[in-house]
Protein backbone atom coordinates (compact mmCIF):
# COMPACT_ATOMS: atom_id res chain seq x y z
CA UNK A 1 8.42 9.94 -10.10
CA UNK A 2 6.84 6.59 -9.30
CA UNK A 3 4.01 6.72 -6.74
CA UNK A 4 2.36 3.87 -4.85
CA UNK A 5 -1.30 4.34 -3.86
CA UNK A 6 -2.23 3.35 -0.31
CA UNK A 7 -5.58 3.38 1.42
CA UNK A 8 -8.27 1.40 3.16
CA UNK A 9 -9.52 -1.64 1.26
CA UNK A 10 -11.08 -3.99 3.80
CA UNK A 11 -14.66 -3.02 4.68
CA UNK A 12 -14.78 -0.27 2.04
CA UNK A 13 -17.16 -1.28 -0.75
CA UNK A 14 -16.02 1.74 -2.82
CA UNK A 15 -12.26 1.06 -2.60
CA UNK A 16 -11.83 0.05 -6.27
CA UNK A 17 -13.41 3.29 -7.49
CA UNK A 18 -11.32 5.37 -5.07
CA UNK A 19 -8.04 3.76 -6.11
CA UNK A 20 -9.02 4.10 -9.78
CA UNK A 21 -9.80 7.82 -9.40
CA UNK A 22 -6.46 8.45 -7.70
CA UNK A 23 -4.61 6.45 -10.36
CA UNK A 24 -6.24 8.45 -13.17
CA UNK A 25 -5.53 11.74 -11.40
CA UNK A 26 -1.86 10.96 -10.80
CA UNK A 27 -1.39 9.54 -14.30
CA UNK A 28 -2.85 12.75 -15.76
CA UNK A 29 -0.13 14.62 -13.84
CA UNK A 30 2.48 12.44 -15.60
CA UNK A 31 3.41 10.28 -12.63
CA UNK A 32 4.13 6.58 -12.97
CA UNK A 33 1.56 4.96 -10.69
CA UNK A 34 1.41 1.64 -8.86
CA UNK A 35 -2.19 0.77 -8.01
CA UNK A 36 -2.12 -2.27 -5.69
CA UNK A 37 -5.70 -3.16 -6.59
CA UNK A 38 -4.49 -3.90 -10.13
CA UNK A 39 -1.42 -5.96 -9.28
CA UNK A 40 -1.42 -9.56 -10.44
CA UNK A 41 -1.39 -11.28 -7.06
CA UNK A 42 -0.48 -14.90 -7.73
CA UNK A 43 -0.98 -16.66 -4.42
CA UNK A 44 -3.58 -18.08 -2.08
CA UNK A 45 -5.12 -14.64 -1.52
CA UNK A 46 -4.14 -14.50 2.13
CA UNK A 47 -3.73 -11.09 3.74
CA UNK A 48 -0.09 -11.90 4.51
CA UNK A 49 0.71 -12.63 0.88
CA UNK A 50 -1.13 -9.55 -0.40
CA UNK A 51 0.90 -7.39 1.97
CA UNK A 52 4.22 -9.02 1.05
CA UNK A 53 3.62 -8.45 -2.65
CA UNK A 54 2.29 -4.92 -2.16
CA UNK A 55 5.23 -3.88 0.02
CA UNK A 56 7.65 -5.30 -2.54
CA UNK A 57 6.04 -2.98 -5.13
CA UNK A 58 6.05 -0.06 -2.69
CA UNK A 59 9.81 -0.40 -2.24
CA UNK A 60 10.30 0.25 -5.97
CA UNK A 61 8.56 3.63 -5.70
CA UNK A 62 9.71 7.15 -4.87
CA UNK A 63 6.59 8.22 -3.01
CA UNK A 64 3.40 6.96 -1.41
CA UNK A 65 -0.01 8.59 -1.94
CA UNK A 66 -2.23 8.19 1.10
CA UNK A 67 -5.95 8.18 0.24
CA UNK A 68 -8.17 9.98 2.75
CA UNK A 69 -9.14 7.54 5.51
CA UNK A 70 -5.88 5.57 5.22
CA UNK A 71 -5.35 5.87 8.97
CA UNK A 72 -8.29 3.51 9.57
CA UNK A 73 -6.51 0.69 7.72
CA UNK A 74 -3.93 -1.58 9.35
CA UNK A 75 -2.42 -2.36 5.94
CA UNK A 76 -2.14 1.28 4.89
CA UNK A 77 -0.58 2.18 8.25
CA UNK A 78 2.00 -0.56 7.72
CA UNK A 79 2.72 0.67 4.18
CA UNK A 80 3.17 4.20 5.55
CA UNK A 81 5.63 2.98 8.19
CA UNK A 82 7.63 1.13 5.55
CA UNK A 83 7.61 4.19 3.29
CA UNK A 84 8.78 6.41 6.15
CA UNK A 85 11.53 3.98 7.14
CA UNK A 86 12.78 3.89 3.55
CA UNK A 87 12.68 7.65 3.02
CA UNK A 88 9.82 7.75 0.51
CA UNK A 89 7.93 11.00 0.14
CA UNK A 90 4.39 10.88 1.57
CA UNK A 91 1.61 12.68 -0.27
CA UNK A 92 -1.71 13.01 1.49
CA UNK A 93 -4.84 13.25 -0.63
CA UNK A 94 -8.42 14.03 0.04
CA UNK A 95 -11.26 12.63 -1.99
CA UNK A 96 -10.39 12.81 -5.68
C-alpha cells in the first residue's frame, strides 16, 4: 500500500521532524510512503505550485495519513478532500 503523508506545514517550525517521524514509522511497517516534504519541487516555490505537485503525488497513492493537527492546515484539508473524492483510505495519526 502506498501512503501519502499530510499535515500542517505553514507556521509549524517542527513540521520536517514530524513528517520524518511518520515516514520512518510507516516505512518500518512496510508501507511505500510519499513524504511531500522530500519531493523535488521544481518551480517558483509558490503555494499553488507546491499544492499542484503534491496533489499529483497524492493521486498515485492508496491512502492518506493525516498527522495530528492536520485540520488547522488549509493545504491538508484540501488534500483530505481530494483523497475522499477519489476513494483513498484515510488514516488518522497522533504524535508519532
